[in-house]
Amino acid sequence: MGDDEKAVTEVVAYGLTLPGGTAATVGANGHGFGRWTSAHSAARRLHSDLVWLGDGDAGKSAS
């Protein structure tokens, strides 16, 4: 990244892990809904990083 460039963080979806390990997401704009085999699968398919919030994991990031 050059001196003139800034890193940009964008929320593309909110989601949660469901009982059994599957995950559900909804787009940050409130549209779209996805069911995934796991939260990591959702992140891969959405070309995004996971950021865990709550339950003592706030701010933990995983790819």
C-alpha atoms as a PDB file:
ATOM      1  CA  MET A   1       0.000   0.000   0.000  1.00  0.00           C
ATOM      2  CA  GLY A   2       1.392   3.383  -0.974  1.00  0.00           C
ATOM      3  CA  ASP A   3       1.532   6.542   1.139  1.00  0.00           C
ATOM      4  CA  ASP A   4      -1.602   7.898  -0.550  1.00  0.00           C
ATOM      5  CA  GLU A   5      -3.676   4.766   0.057  1.00  0.00           C
ATOM      6  CA  LYS A   6      -5.840   4.051   3.098  1.00  0.00           C
ATOM      7  CA  ALA A   7      -7.019   0.667   4.293  1.00  0.00           C
ATOM      8  CA  VAL A   8     -10.811   0.467   4.219  1.00  0.00           C
ATOM      9  CA  THR A   9     -12.878  -1.874   6.337  1.00  0.00           C
ATOM     10  CA  GLU A  10     -16.379  -2.600   5.114  1.00  0.00           C
ATOM     11  CA  VAL A  11     -19.035  -4.732   6.768  1.00  0.00           C
ATOM     12  CA  VAL A  12     -20.555  -6.956   4.087  1.00  0.00           C
ATOM     13  CA  ALA A  13     -22.763  -9.149   6.286  1.00  0.00           C
ATOM     14  CA  TYR A  14     -23.785  -9.935   9.837  1.00  0.00           C
ATOM     15  CA  GLY A  15     -24.133 -13.522  10.883  1.00  0.00           C
ATOM     16  CA  LEU A  16     -24.263 -16.037  13.644  1.00  0.00           C
ATOM     17  CA  THR A  17     -23.283 -19.606  14.219  1.00  0.00           C
ATOM     18  CA  LEU A  18     -26.303 -21.834  14.754  1.00  0.00           C
ATOM     19  CA  PRO A  19     -26.584 -24.980  16.877  1.00  0.00           C
ATOM     20  CA  GLY A  20     -24.881 -27.797  15.006  1.00  0.00           C
ATOM     21  CA  GLY A  21     -22.209 -25.488  13.567  1.00  0.00           C
ATOM     22  CA  THR A  22     -24.057 -24.110  10.542  1.00  0.00           C
ATOM     23  CA  ALA A  23     -24.258 -20.342  10.060  1.00  0.00           C
ATOM     24  CA  ALA A  24     -26.744 -17.746   8.839  1.00  0.00           C
ATOM     25  CA  THR A  25     -25.943 -14.312   7.398  1.00  0.00           C
ATOM     26  CA  VAL A  26     -27.833 -11.222   6.333  1.00  0.00           C
ATOM     27  CA  GLY A  27     -26.295  -8.481   4.197  1.00  0.00           C
ATOM     28  CA  ALA A  28     -25.235  -5.277   5.945  1.00  0.00           C
ATOM     29  CA  ASN A  29     -27.814  -3.464   3.816  1.00  0.00           C
ATOM     30  CA  GLY A  30     -30.557  -5.663   5.304  1.00  0.00           C
ATOM     31  CA  HIS A  31     -31.093  -7.555   2.049  1.00  0.00           C
ATOM     32  CA  GLY A  32     -30.188 -11.106   1.244  1.00  0.00           C
ATOM     33  CA  PHE A  33     -29.987 -14.042   3.561  1.00  0.00           C
ATOM     34  CA  GLY A  34     -27.591 -16.966   3.455  1.00  0.00           C
ATOM     35  CA  ARG A  35     -27.333 -20.369   5.120  1.00  0.00           C
ATOM     36  CA  TRP A  36     -23.836 -21.858   5.250  1.00  0.00           C
ATOM     37  CA  THR A  37     -22.198 -25.062   6.426  1.00  0.00           C
ATOM     38  CA  SER A  38     -20.062 -22.964   8.816  1.00  0.00           C
ATOM     39  CA  ALA A  39     -19.094 -19.377   9.579  1.00  0.00           C
ATOM     40  CA  HIS A  40     -15.690 -20.005   7.959  1.00  0.00           C
ATOM     41  CA  SER A  41     -17.447 -21.259   4.823  1.00  0.00           C
ATOM     42  CA  ALA A  42     -19.520 -18.064   4.702  1.00  0.00           C
ATOM     43  CA  ALA A  43     -16.388 -15.923   5.014  1.00  0.00           C
ATOM     44  CA  ARG A  44     -14.655 -17.814   2.202  1.00  0.00           C
ATOM     45  CA  ARG A  45     -17.669 -17.571  -0.113  1.00  0.00           C
ATOM     46  CA  LEU A  46     -18.128 -13.854   0.670  1.00  0.00           C
ATOM     47  CA  HIS A  47     -14.374 -13.215   0.201  1.00  0.00           C
ATOM     48  CA  SER A  48     -14.263 -11.692   3.685  1.00  0.00           C
ATOM     49  CA  ASP A  49     -12.624 -12.016   7.082  1.00  0.00           C
ATOM     50  CA  LEU A  50     -14.554 -13.095  10.159  1.00  0.00           C
ATOM     51  CA  VAL A  51     -14.635 -10.763  13.134  1.00  0.00           C
ATOM     52  CA  TRP A  52     -16.076 -12.421  16.235  1.00  0.00           C
ATOM     53  CA  LEU A  53     -18.006 -10.296  18.706  1.00  0.00           C
ATOM     54  CA  GLY A  54     -19.289 -11.270  22.141  1.00  0.00           C
ATOM     55  CA  ASP A  55     -18.617 -14.151  24.525  1.00  0.00           C
ATOM     56  CA  GLY A  56     -15.115 -12.904  25.282  1.00  0.00           C
ATOM     57  CA  ASP A  57     -14.051 -13.088  21.638  1.00  0.00           C
ATOM     58  CA  ALA A  58     -14.589  -9.410  20.754  1.00  0.00           C
ATOM     59  CA  GLY A  59     -12.163  -8.211  18.134  1.00  0.00           C
ATOM     60  CA  LYS A  60     -10.774 -11.673  17.325  1.00  0.00           C
ATOM     61  CA  SER A  61     -10.283 -11.929  13.579  1.00  0.00           C
ATOM     62  CA  ALA A  62      -9.959 -15.116  11.550  1.00  0.00           C
ATOM     63  CA  SER A  63      -9.691 -15.715   7.815  1.00  0.00           C
END
